[in-house]
Amino acid sequence: MKSAGVRLCLCLALLGALLAGALQAQEKRQDPRAVKAAGLGQLALYCKWPESAFKSKDEPLRIGVLGADPFGETLDALLKGKLHGSHPLQPVRFPSLAELSECQMLFVPQKEEAQLARVLEICKDKPVLVVCENAALAQKGAAVALYFERAKLRITVNLDALREARIEASSELLKLVRVIGTRKECESR
């Protein structure tokens, strides 16, 4: 009985840590984009990329945004000074798909979701965490969907897409989000 209580406390603590930045942004501005930007930054901290995703131990973990940037300076402010291990989190913008270059995470805003199939083709066999704003697109190959449901930020994780990208999500994160895809491979780790 105590064990279940301890696990519940740990899960609640992790959820609090994961969404703390998102909630702070929401309280300050009530801006859904700020909440989503905070969720994006926190998501990076709960994933593990293969060593091959970086050229050096201190190379930035680049969080790309495709098309018109819905976050503006909010994403920059939220990521400033944050590290993923020894890798500083760095936002980068790609105004068009033609300008897409190296990044470890790529946010595909709702206005760009028609390009998802092409994005997935370009990112195939690369350690790129593709994040979208539509839960249905996680079913179509995006690794993560960040979206609002009843005014709350929700996260759906596609384990098959993560596995193909050779990216691992922490087990603590997977306990707190909606998971689709094959869980068996993830549980064996």
N, C-alpha and C. Protein backbone atom coordinates (compact mmCIF):
# COMPACT_ATOMS: atom_id res chain seq x y z
N MET A 1 0.82 -1.18 0.00
CA MET A 1 0.00 0.00 0.00
C MET A 1 0.87 1.26 0.00
N LYS A 2 1.94 1.26 0.83
CA LYS A 2 2.84 2.41 0.86
C LYS A 2 3.53 2.60 -0.48
N SER A 3 3.87 1.48 -1.15
CA SER A 3 4.56 1.54 -2.43
C SER A 3 3.70 2.26 -3.47
N ALA A 4 2.41 1.97 -3.50
CA ALA A 4 1.52 2.63 -4.46
C ALA A 4 1.45 4.13 -4.17
N GLY A 5 1.43 4.49 -2.90
CA GLY A 5 1.40 5.90 -2.52
C GLY A 5 2.68 6.62 -2.93
N VAL A 6 3.82 5.95 -2.73
CA VAL A 6 5.10 6.54 -3.11
C VAL A 6 5.15 6.74 -4.62
N ARG A 7 4.69 5.73 -5.38
CA ARG A 7 4.69 5.85 -6.84
C ARG A 7 3.79 6.99 -7.29
N LEU A 8 2.63 7.11 -6.66
CA LEU A 8 1.73 8.20 -7.02
C LEU A 8 2.40 9.55 -6.75
N CYS A 9 3.06 9.68 -5.61
CA CYS A 9 3.76 10.93 -5.29
C CYS A 9 4.86 11.22 -6.30
N LEU A 10 5.62 10.19 -6.69
CA LEU A 10 6.68 10.38 -7.68
C LEU A 10 6.11 10.80 -9.03
N CYS A 11 5.02 10.16 -9.45
CA CYS A 11 4.39 10.52 -10.72
C CYS A 11 3.88 11.96 -10.69
N LEU A 12 3.27 12.33 -9.58
CA LEU A 12 2.77 13.70 -9.48
C LEU A 12 3.91 14.71 -9.47
N ALA A 13 5.01 14.36 -8.81
CA ALA A 13 6.17 15.25 -8.80
C ALA A 13 6.74 15.42 -10.20
N LEU A 14 6.85 14.33 -10.96
CA LEU A 14 7.37 14.39 -12.32
C LEU A 14 6.45 15.21 -13.21
N LEU A 15 5.17 14.98 -13.09
CA LEU A 15 4.22 15.75 -13.89
C LEU A 15 4.37 17.24 -13.58
N GLY A 16 4.53 17.54 -12.30
CA GLY A 16 4.73 18.93 -11.91
C GLY A 16 5.98 19.51 -12.53
N ALA A 17 7.07 18.74 -12.53
CA ALA A 17 8.32 19.22 -13.12
C ALA A 17 8.18 19.39 -14.62
N LEU A 18 7.52 18.44 -15.28
CA LEU A 18 7.38 18.48 -16.73
C LEU A 18 6.58 19.69 -17.18
N LEU A 19 5.54 20.00 -16.46
CA LEU A 19 4.65 21.07 -16.90
C LEU A 19 4.84 22.38 -16.13
N ALA A 20 5.82 22.44 -15.23
CA ALA A 20 6.02 23.66 -14.43
C ALA A 20 6.22 24.88 -15.31
N GLY A 21 7.10 24.75 -16.28
CA GLY A 21 7.33 25.88 -17.18
C GLY A 21 6.09 26.24 -17.96
N ALA A 22 5.35 25.22 -18.40
CA ALA A 22 4.12 25.47 -19.14
C ALA A 22 3.10 26.18 -18.27
N LEU A 23 2.97 25.76 -17.04
CA LEU A 23 2.00 26.38 -16.15
C LEU A 23 2.40 27.80 -15.79
N GLN A 24 3.70 28.04 -15.59
CA GLN A 24 4.16 29.40 -15.31
C GLN A 24 3.82 30.32 -16.47
N ALA A 25 4.07 29.84 -17.67
CA ALA A 25 3.76 30.64 -18.85
C ALA A 25 2.26 30.89 -18.94
N GLN A 26 1.48 29.87 -18.64
CA GLN A 26 0.04 30.02 -18.71
C GLN A 26 -0.46 31.03 -17.68
N GLU A 27 0.08 30.95 -16.46
CA GLU A 27 -0.33 31.88 -15.41
C GLU A 27 0.05 33.31 -15.76
N LYS A 28 1.23 33.51 -16.32
CA LYS A 28 1.71 34.85 -16.62
C LYS A 28 0.96 35.49 -17.78
N ARG A 29 0.67 34.72 -18.80
CA ARG A 29 0.14 35.30 -20.02
C ARG A 29 -1.19 34.72 -20.47
N GLN A 30 -1.55 33.57 -19.98
CA GLN A 30 -2.72 32.86 -20.46
C GLN A 30 -2.63 32.67 -21.98
N ASP A 31 -1.43 32.55 -22.47
CA ASP A 31 -1.17 32.43 -23.90
C ASP A 31 -0.91 30.96 -24.24
N PRO A 32 -1.79 30.34 -25.01
CA PRO A 32 -1.60 28.92 -25.35
C PRO A 32 -0.26 28.64 -26.04
N ARG A 33 0.23 29.58 -26.83
CA ARG A 33 1.51 29.37 -27.52
C ARG A 33 2.66 29.33 -26.52
N ALA A 34 2.59 30.15 -25.50
CA ALA A 34 3.63 30.15 -24.47
C ALA A 34 3.60 28.83 -23.70
N VAL A 35 2.41 28.34 -23.43
CA VAL A 35 2.27 27.05 -22.73
C VAL A 35 2.85 25.94 -23.60
N LYS A 36 2.55 25.97 -24.88
CA LYS A 36 3.06 24.94 -25.79
C LYS A 36 4.58 25.04 -25.95
N ALA A 37 5.10 26.25 -26.00
CA ALA A 37 6.55 26.45 -26.10
C ALA A 37 7.24 25.87 -24.86
N ALA A 38 6.67 26.10 -23.71
CA ALA A 38 7.24 25.55 -22.48
C ALA A 38 7.18 24.02 -22.49
N GLY A 39 6.07 23.48 -22.96
CA GLY A 39 5.95 22.02 -23.08
C GLY A 39 6.98 21.44 -24.03
N LEU A 40 7.24 22.14 -25.11
CA LEU A 40 8.24 21.70 -26.10
C LEU A 40 9.63 21.66 -25.48
N GLY A 41 9.97 22.71 -24.76
CA GLY A 41 11.27 22.76 -24.10
C GLY A 41 11.42 21.68 -23.04
N GLN A 42 10.38 21.45 -22.26
CA GLN A 42 10.43 20.42 -21.23
C GLN A 42 10.49 19.02 -21.84
N LEU A 43 9.79 18.82 -22.95
CA LEU A 43 9.80 17.53 -23.63
C LEU A 43 11.22 17.12 -24.01
N ALA A 44 12.00 18.08 -24.47
CA ALA A 44 13.39 17.79 -24.87
C ALA A 44 14.18 17.22 -23.70
N LEU A 45 13.87 17.65 -22.50
CA LEU A 45 14.62 17.21 -21.33
C LEU A 45 14.29 15.77 -20.93
N TYR A 46 13.18 15.22 -21.41
CA TYR A 46 12.77 13.86 -21.05
C TYR A 46 12.99 12.86 -22.17
N CYS A 47 13.79 13.25 -23.16
CA CYS A 47 14.12 12.34 -24.26
C CYS A 47 15.64 12.18 -24.34
N LYS A 48 16.06 11.06 -24.90
CA LYS A 48 17.49 10.79 -25.04
C LYS A 48 17.80 10.49 -26.50
N TRP A 49 18.73 11.25 -27.05
CA TRP A 49 19.15 11.07 -28.43
C TRP A 49 20.40 10.18 -28.47
N PRO A 50 20.60 9.47 -29.59
CA PRO A 50 21.84 8.70 -29.71
C PRO A 50 23.03 9.65 -29.83
N GLU A 51 24.20 9.19 -29.46
CA GLU A 51 25.40 10.02 -29.54
C GLU A 51 25.64 10.53 -30.96
N SER A 52 25.22 9.74 -31.96
CA SER A 52 25.42 10.14 -33.35
C SER A 52 24.62 11.37 -33.75
N ALA A 53 23.68 11.81 -32.91
CA ALA A 53 22.87 13.00 -33.21
C ALA A 53 23.67 14.28 -33.04
N PHE A 54 24.84 14.17 -32.42
CA PHE A 54 25.66 15.35 -32.13
C PHE A 54 27.08 15.13 -32.63
N LYS A 55 27.69 16.20 -33.14
CA LYS A 55 29.07 16.12 -33.61
C LYS A 55 30.06 16.22 -32.46
N SER A 56 29.64 16.83 -31.37
CA SER A 56 30.52 16.96 -30.21
C SER A 56 29.67 16.94 -28.94
N LYS A 57 30.34 16.81 -27.79
CA LYS A 57 29.64 16.71 -26.51
C LYS A 57 28.98 18.02 -26.09
N ASP A 58 29.41 19.14 -26.66
CA ASP A 58 28.82 20.41 -26.27
C ASP A 58 28.05 21.10 -27.41
N GLU A 59 27.83 20.36 -28.50
CA GLU A 59 27.03 20.89 -29.60
C GLU A 59 25.60 21.11 -29.10
N PRO A 60 24.96 22.20 -29.53
CA PRO A 60 23.59 22.46 -29.07
C PRO A 60 22.60 21.39 -29.54
N LEU A 61 21.59 21.19 -28.72
CA LEU A 61 20.43 20.40 -29.13
C LEU A 61 19.50 21.41 -29.78
N ARG A 62 19.37 21.32 -31.09
CA ARG A 62 18.62 22.30 -31.86
C ARG A 62 17.15 21.92 -31.92
N ILE A 63 16.30 22.85 -31.49
CA ILE A 63 14.85 22.67 -31.56
C ILE A 63 14.37 23.57 -32.68
N GLY A 64 14.05 22.94 -33.81
CA GLY A 64 13.65 23.68 -34.99
C GLY A 64 12.15 23.94 -35.03
N VAL A 65 11.80 25.04 -35.65
CA VAL A 65 10.40 25.39 -35.88
C VAL A 65 10.25 25.61 -37.38
N LEU A 66 9.33 24.88 -38.00
CA LEU A 66 9.12 24.96 -39.44
C LEU A 66 8.07 26.02 -39.77
N GLY A 67 8.36 26.84 -40.75
CA GLY A 67 7.39 27.83 -41.22
C GLY A 67 7.31 29.03 -40.31
N ALA A 68 6.15 29.70 -40.36
CA ALA A 68 5.93 30.89 -39.53
C ALA A 68 5.99 30.48 -38.07
N ASP A 69 6.88 31.10 -37.32
CA ASP A 69 7.11 30.75 -35.92
C ASP A 69 5.95 31.22 -35.05
N PRO A 70 5.20 30.28 -34.45
CA PRO A 70 4.08 30.69 -33.61
C PRO A 70 4.51 31.14 -32.21
N PHE A 71 5.78 30.95 -31.86
CA PHE A 71 6.24 31.22 -30.51
C PHE A 71 6.89 32.58 -30.34
N GLY A 72 7.50 33.09 -31.40
CA GLY A 72 8.22 34.35 -31.29
C GLY A 72 9.37 34.23 -30.30
N GLU A 73 9.58 35.26 -29.51
CA GLU A 73 10.69 35.29 -28.56
C GLU A 73 10.43 34.41 -27.34
N THR A 74 9.20 33.94 -27.17
CA THR A 74 8.86 33.12 -26.00
C THR A 74 9.72 31.86 -25.93
N LEU A 75 9.87 31.18 -27.05
CA LEU A 75 10.66 29.94 -27.07
C LEU A 75 12.12 30.24 -26.71
N ASP A 76 12.66 31.30 -27.27
CA ASP A 76 14.05 31.68 -26.96
C ASP A 76 14.22 31.93 -25.46
N ALA A 77 13.30 32.67 -24.88
CA ALA A 77 13.39 33.01 -23.45
C ALA A 77 13.27 31.76 -22.58
N LEU A 78 12.38 30.85 -22.95
CA LEU A 78 12.19 29.64 -22.16
C LEU A 78 13.38 28.68 -22.25
N LEU A 79 14.07 28.67 -23.39
CA LEU A 79 15.19 27.74 -23.58
C LEU A 79 16.52 28.32 -23.11
N LYS A 80 16.58 29.62 -22.91
CA LYS A 80 17.83 30.27 -22.55
C LYS A 80 18.41 29.67 -21.27
N GLY A 81 19.65 29.20 -21.37
CA GLY A 81 20.36 28.65 -20.22
C GLY A 81 20.03 27.20 -19.88
N LYS A 82 19.08 26.59 -20.60
CA LYS A 82 18.73 25.20 -20.31
C LYS A 82 19.66 24.25 -21.05
N LEU A 83 19.98 23.16 -20.38
CA LEU A 83 20.88 22.15 -20.95
C LEU A 83 20.20 20.80 -20.99
N HIS A 84 20.56 20.03 -21.99
CA HIS A 84 20.22 18.60 -22.07
C HIS A 84 21.56 17.89 -21.93
N GLY A 85 21.88 17.50 -20.70
CA GLY A 85 23.23 16.99 -20.44
C GLY A 85 24.20 18.13 -20.64
N SER A 86 25.14 17.96 -21.58
CA SER A 86 26.11 19.02 -21.87
C SER A 86 25.70 19.85 -23.09
N HIS A 87 24.52 19.57 -23.62
CA HIS A 87 24.07 20.25 -24.84
C HIS A 87 23.10 21.39 -24.51
N PRO A 88 23.48 22.64 -24.82
CA PRO A 88 22.53 23.74 -24.61
C PRO A 88 21.35 23.61 -25.58
N LEU A 89 20.15 23.93 -25.09
CA LEU A 89 18.97 23.92 -25.96
C LEU A 89 18.97 25.19 -26.78
N GLN A 90 18.83 25.04 -28.10
CA GLN A 90 18.93 26.18 -29.01
C GLN A 90 17.77 26.17 -30.01
N PRO A 91 16.94 27.21 -30.00
CA PRO A 91 15.88 27.28 -31.00
C PRO A 91 16.46 27.71 -32.35
N VAL A 92 15.95 27.12 -33.42
CA VAL A 92 16.31 27.52 -34.78
C VAL A 92 15.02 27.58 -35.60
N ARG A 93 14.99 28.50 -36.56
CA ARG A 93 13.81 28.65 -37.40
C ARG A 93 14.12 28.25 -38.83
N PHE A 94 13.18 27.55 -39.43
CA PHE A 94 13.28 27.16 -40.83
C PHE A 94 12.05 27.73 -41.53
N PRO A 95 12.19 28.88 -42.20
CA PRO A 95 11.03 29.52 -42.83
C PRO A 95 10.29 28.63 -43.82
N SER A 96 11.01 27.70 -44.44
CA SER A 96 10.36 26.79 -45.39
C SER A 96 11.03 25.43 -45.32
N LEU A 97 10.37 24.46 -45.89
CA LEU A 97 10.91 23.10 -45.91
C LEU A 97 12.21 23.04 -46.70
N ALA A 98 12.34 23.89 -47.71
CA ALA A 98 13.57 23.94 -48.51
C ALA A 98 14.77 24.38 -47.68
N GLU A 99 14.51 25.12 -46.60
CA GLU A 99 15.60 25.63 -45.77
C GLU A 99 15.88 24.75 -44.55
N LEU A 100 15.17 23.64 -44.46
CA LEU A 100 15.36 22.73 -43.33
C LEU A 100 16.78 22.19 -43.32
N SER A 101 17.43 22.29 -42.16
CA SER A 101 18.77 21.74 -42.00
C SER A 101 18.82 20.97 -40.69
N GLU A 102 20.00 20.70 -40.23
CA GLU A 102 20.21 19.83 -39.09
C GLU A 102 19.55 20.34 -37.80
N CYS A 103 18.79 19.46 -37.18
CA CYS A 103 18.21 19.72 -35.87
C CYS A 103 17.89 18.37 -35.22
N GLN A 104 17.72 18.37 -33.91
CA GLN A 104 17.40 17.14 -33.20
C GLN A 104 15.91 17.04 -32.89
N MET A 105 15.23 18.17 -32.88
CA MET A 105 13.79 18.21 -32.66
C MET A 105 13.21 19.19 -33.66
N LEU A 106 12.08 18.84 -34.27
CA LEU A 106 11.46 19.72 -35.24
C LEU A 106 9.98 19.86 -34.92
N PHE A 107 9.56 21.10 -34.65
CA PHE A 107 8.17 21.40 -34.39
C PHE A 107 7.50 21.80 -35.70
N VAL A 108 6.42 21.08 -36.04
CA VAL A 108 5.65 21.35 -37.25
C VAL A 108 4.33 21.98 -36.81
N PRO A 109 4.20 23.31 -36.92
CA PRO A 109 2.98 23.97 -36.48
C PRO A 109 1.77 23.55 -37.32
N GLN A 110 0.60 23.81 -36.79
CA GLN A 110 -0.64 23.44 -37.46
C GLN A 110 -0.70 23.98 -38.90
N LYS A 111 -0.22 25.19 -39.11
CA LYS A 111 -0.25 25.79 -40.46
C LYS A 111 0.62 25.02 -41.45
N GLU A 112 1.57 24.23 -40.96
CA GLU A 112 2.49 23.49 -41.82
C GLU A 112 2.19 21.99 -41.87
N GLU A 113 1.12 21.55 -41.21
CA GLU A 113 0.89 20.11 -41.09
C GLU A 113 0.64 19.41 -42.43
N ALA A 114 0.26 20.14 -43.46
CA ALA A 114 0.09 19.53 -44.79
C ALA A 114 1.43 19.00 -45.31
N GLN A 115 2.53 19.53 -44.77
CA GLN A 115 3.87 19.11 -45.21
C GLN A 115 4.43 17.94 -44.38
N LEU A 116 3.64 17.41 -43.45
CA LEU A 116 4.17 16.39 -42.54
C LEU A 116 4.74 15.18 -43.27
N ALA A 117 4.06 14.69 -44.31
CA ALA A 117 4.57 13.52 -45.03
C ALA A 117 5.97 13.80 -45.59
N ARG A 118 6.16 14.98 -46.15
CA ARG A 118 7.47 15.35 -46.70
C ARG A 118 8.51 15.51 -45.59
N VAL A 119 8.10 16.11 -44.46
CA VAL A 119 8.99 16.25 -43.30
C VAL A 119 9.45 14.88 -42.84
N LEU A 120 8.52 13.95 -42.71
CA LEU A 120 8.87 12.60 -42.25
C LEU A 120 9.80 11.90 -43.23
N GLU A 121 9.60 12.15 -44.51
CA GLU A 121 10.48 11.57 -45.54
C GLU A 121 11.90 12.12 -45.39
N ILE A 122 12.02 13.42 -45.20
CA ILE A 122 13.33 14.06 -45.04
C ILE A 122 14.03 13.59 -43.77
N CYS A 123 13.25 13.42 -42.70
CA CYS A 123 13.83 13.04 -41.40
C CYS A 123 13.99 11.53 -41.21
N LYS A 124 13.52 10.76 -42.17
CA LYS A 124 13.61 9.30 -42.06
C LYS A 124 15.05 8.88 -41.85
N ASP A 125 15.25 7.95 -40.95
CA ASP A 125 16.56 7.39 -40.61
C ASP A 125 17.49 8.42 -39.95
N LYS A 126 16.93 9.51 -39.45
CA LYS A 126 17.72 10.51 -38.72
C LYS A 126 17.16 10.62 -37.31
N PRO A 127 18.01 10.92 -36.33
CA PRO A 127 17.53 11.07 -34.96
C PRO A 127 16.88 12.44 -34.73
N VAL A 128 15.70 12.62 -35.34
CA VAL A 128 14.97 13.87 -35.23
C VAL A 128 13.61 13.58 -34.61
N LEU A 129 13.31 14.25 -33.53
CA LEU A 129 12.03 14.12 -32.85
C LEU A 129 11.06 15.08 -33.52
N VAL A 130 10.12 14.56 -34.30
CA VAL A 130 9.15 15.39 -35.01
C VAL A 130 7.94 15.58 -34.11
N VAL A 131 7.63 16.84 -33.84
CA VAL A 131 6.53 17.21 -32.94
C VAL A 131 5.51 18.02 -33.73
N CYS A 132 4.24 17.68 -33.55
CA CYS A 132 3.17 18.41 -34.23
C CYS A 132 2.14 18.89 -33.21
N GLU A 133 1.11 19.55 -33.71
CA GLU A 133 0.07 20.10 -32.82
C GLU A 133 -1.25 19.34 -32.90
N ASN A 134 -1.29 18.27 -33.64
CA ASN A 134 -2.53 17.56 -33.89
C ASN A 134 -2.36 16.10 -33.47
N ALA A 135 -3.16 15.65 -32.53
CA ALA A 135 -3.03 14.27 -32.02
C ALA A 135 -3.17 13.24 -33.13
N ALA A 136 -3.98 13.52 -34.12
CA ALA A 136 -4.17 12.57 -35.22
C ALA A 136 -2.89 12.39 -36.04
N LEU A 137 -2.03 13.41 -36.06
CA LEU A 137 -0.79 13.29 -36.84
C LEU A 137 0.23 12.38 -36.17
N ALA A 138 0.10 12.15 -34.87
CA ALA A 138 0.97 11.17 -34.22
C ALA A 138 0.65 9.78 -34.78
N GLN A 139 -0.58 9.55 -35.15
CA GLN A 139 -0.97 8.28 -35.78
C GLN A 139 -0.37 8.16 -37.18
N LYS A 140 -0.01 9.29 -37.78
CA LYS A 140 0.51 9.29 -39.15
C LYS A 140 2.02 9.39 -39.20
N GLY A 141 2.69 9.26 -38.04
CA GLY A 141 4.14 9.19 -38.06
C GLY A 141 4.90 10.23 -37.26
N ALA A 142 4.24 11.28 -36.81
CA ALA A 142 4.93 12.24 -35.94
C ALA A 142 5.25 11.53 -34.62
N ALA A 143 6.37 11.84 -34.02
CA ALA A 143 6.77 11.18 -32.77
C ALA A 143 5.96 11.68 -31.58
N VAL A 144 5.62 12.97 -31.59
CA VAL A 144 4.91 13.57 -30.46
C VAL A 144 3.89 14.57 -30.97
N ALA A 145 2.76 14.62 -30.30
CA ALA A 145 1.77 15.66 -30.55
C ALA A 145 1.57 16.44 -29.25
N LEU A 146 1.70 17.75 -29.33
CA LEU A 146 1.41 18.67 -28.22
C LEU A 146 0.16 19.43 -28.62
N TYR A 147 -0.91 19.26 -27.86
CA TYR A 147 -2.18 19.87 -28.24
C TYR A 147 -3.00 20.19 -27.00
N PHE A 148 -4.00 21.01 -27.19
CA PHE A 148 -4.88 21.36 -26.09
C PHE A 148 -6.16 20.56 -26.18
N GLU A 149 -6.59 20.09 -25.02
CA GLU A 149 -7.86 19.39 -24.91
C GLU A 149 -8.52 19.90 -23.63
N ARG A 150 -9.68 20.48 -23.75
CA ARG A 150 -10.36 21.08 -22.60
C ARG A 150 -9.46 22.08 -21.86
N ALA A 151 -8.79 22.91 -22.62
CA ALA A 151 -7.92 23.97 -22.10
C ALA A 151 -6.70 23.48 -21.34
N LYS A 152 -6.33 22.21 -21.51
CA LYS A 152 -5.13 21.67 -20.87
C LYS A 152 -4.19 21.12 -21.94
N LEU A 153 -2.90 21.32 -21.70
CA LEU A 153 -1.90 20.81 -22.63
C LEU A 153 -1.84 19.29 -22.50
N ARG A 154 -1.96 18.60 -23.60
CA ARG A 154 -1.90 17.13 -23.65
C ARG A 154 -0.74 16.73 -24.55
N ILE A 155 -0.22 15.53 -24.29
CA ILE A 155 0.90 15.01 -25.07
C ILE A 155 0.58 13.58 -25.48
N THR A 156 0.75 13.29 -26.77
CA THR A 156 0.65 11.93 -27.28
C THR A 156 2.01 11.56 -27.85
N VAL A 157 2.51 10.39 -27.47
CA VAL A 157 3.81 9.92 -27.92
C VAL A 157 3.62 8.67 -28.77
N ASN A 158 4.22 8.66 -29.96
CA ASN A 158 4.18 7.53 -30.87
C ASN A 158 5.49 6.74 -30.69
N LEU A 159 5.41 5.61 -29.99
CA LEU A 159 6.61 4.82 -29.71
C LEU A 159 7.29 4.28 -30.96
N ASP A 160 6.49 3.95 -31.97
CA ASP A 160 7.09 3.44 -33.21
C ASP A 160 7.93 4.52 -33.89
N ALA A 161 7.42 5.75 -33.91
CA ALA A 161 8.18 6.85 -34.52
C ALA A 161 9.45 7.14 -33.71
N LEU A 162 9.34 7.08 -32.38
CA LEU A 162 10.54 7.28 -31.55
C LEU A 162 11.59 6.22 -31.85
N ARG A 163 11.15 4.98 -31.92
CA ARG A 163 12.08 3.87 -32.18
C ARG A 163 12.77 4.05 -33.53
N GLU A 164 12.00 4.43 -34.55
CA GLU A 164 12.59 4.64 -35.88
C GLU A 164 13.63 5.76 -35.86
N ALA A 165 13.40 6.77 -35.03
CA ALA A 165 14.34 7.89 -34.94
C ALA A 165 15.48 7.60 -33.96
N ARG A 166 15.45 6.46 -33.31
CA ARG A 166 16.46 6.05 -32.33
C ARG A 166 16.51 7.00 -31.12
N ILE A 167 15.34 7.50 -30.74
CA ILE A 167 15.21 8.40 -29.60
C ILE A 167 14.43 7.67 -28.52
N GLU A 168 14.89 7.80 -27.29
CA GLU A 168 14.22 7.17 -26.16
C GLU A 168 13.52 8.22 -25.32
N ALA A 169 12.30 7.92 -24.93
CA ALA A 169 11.58 8.78 -23.99
C ALA A 169 11.71 8.13 -22.62
N SER A 170 11.86 8.97 -21.59
CA SER A 170 12.00 8.41 -20.24
C SER A 170 10.73 7.67 -19.86
N SER A 171 10.89 6.62 -19.07
CA SER A 171 9.74 5.84 -18.63
C SER A 171 8.80 6.70 -17.79
N GLU A 172 9.35 7.67 -17.07
CA GLU A 172 8.52 8.57 -16.27
C GLU A 172 7.61 9.39 -17.16
N LEU A 173 8.13 9.87 -18.28
CA LEU A 173 7.32 10.62 -19.22
C LEU A 173 6.21 9.74 -19.79
N LEU A 174 6.57 8.52 -20.18
CA LEU A 174 5.59 7.63 -20.81
C LEU A 174 4.45 7.25 -19.88
N LYS A 175 4.68 7.32 -18.58
CA LYS A 175 3.60 7.03 -17.62
C LYS A 175 2.57 8.15 -17.57
N LEU A 176 2.96 9.34 -18.02
CA LEU A 176 2.12 10.52 -17.85
C LEU A 176 1.45 11.02 -19.12
N VAL A 177 1.75 10.40 -20.25
CA VAL A 177 1.22 10.87 -21.52
C VAL A 177 0.40 9.78 -22.18
N ARG A 178 -0.31 10.14 -23.22
CA ARG A 178 -1.02 9.14 -24.03
C ARG A 178 0.03 8.50 -24.94
N VAL A 179 0.08 7.18 -24.93
CA VAL A 179 1.07 6.46 -25.71
C VAL A 179 0.37 5.66 -26.80
N ILE A 180 0.89 5.78 -28.02
CA ILE A 180 0.41 4.94 -29.11
C ILE A 180 1.62 4.20 -29.68
N GLY A 181 1.38 3.15 -30.44
CA GLY A 181 2.48 2.37 -31.00
C GLY A 181 2.76 1.16 -30.14
N THR A 182 3.86 0.51 -30.40
CA THR A 182 4.21 -0.73 -29.74
C THR A 182 4.98 -0.47 -28.47
N ARG A 183 4.36 -0.74 -27.34
CA ARG A 183 4.99 -0.48 -26.04
C ARG A 183 6.00 -1.58 -25.69
N LYS A 184 5.85 -2.78 -26.22
CA LYS A 184 6.71 -3.91 -25.84
C LYS A 184 8.19 -3.60 -25.98
N GLU A 185 8.60 -2.99 -27.11
CA GLU A 185 10.00 -2.68 -27.30
C GLU A 185 10.50 -1.71 -26.26
N CYS A 186 9.67 -0.76 -25.89
CA CYS A 186 10.07 0.26 -24.91
C CYS A 186 10.21 -0.37 -23.51
N GLU A 187 9.31 -1.29 -23.15
CA GLU A 187 9.33 -1.88 -21.83
C GLU A 187 10.53 -2.79 -21.62
N SER A 188 11.12 -3.30 -22.70
CA SER A 188 12.24 -4.23 -22.56
C SER A 188 13.55 -3.50 -22.25
N ARG A 189 13.56 -2.17 -22.31
CA ARG A 189 14.79 -1.40 -22.06
C ARG A 189 15.13 -1.34 -20.61
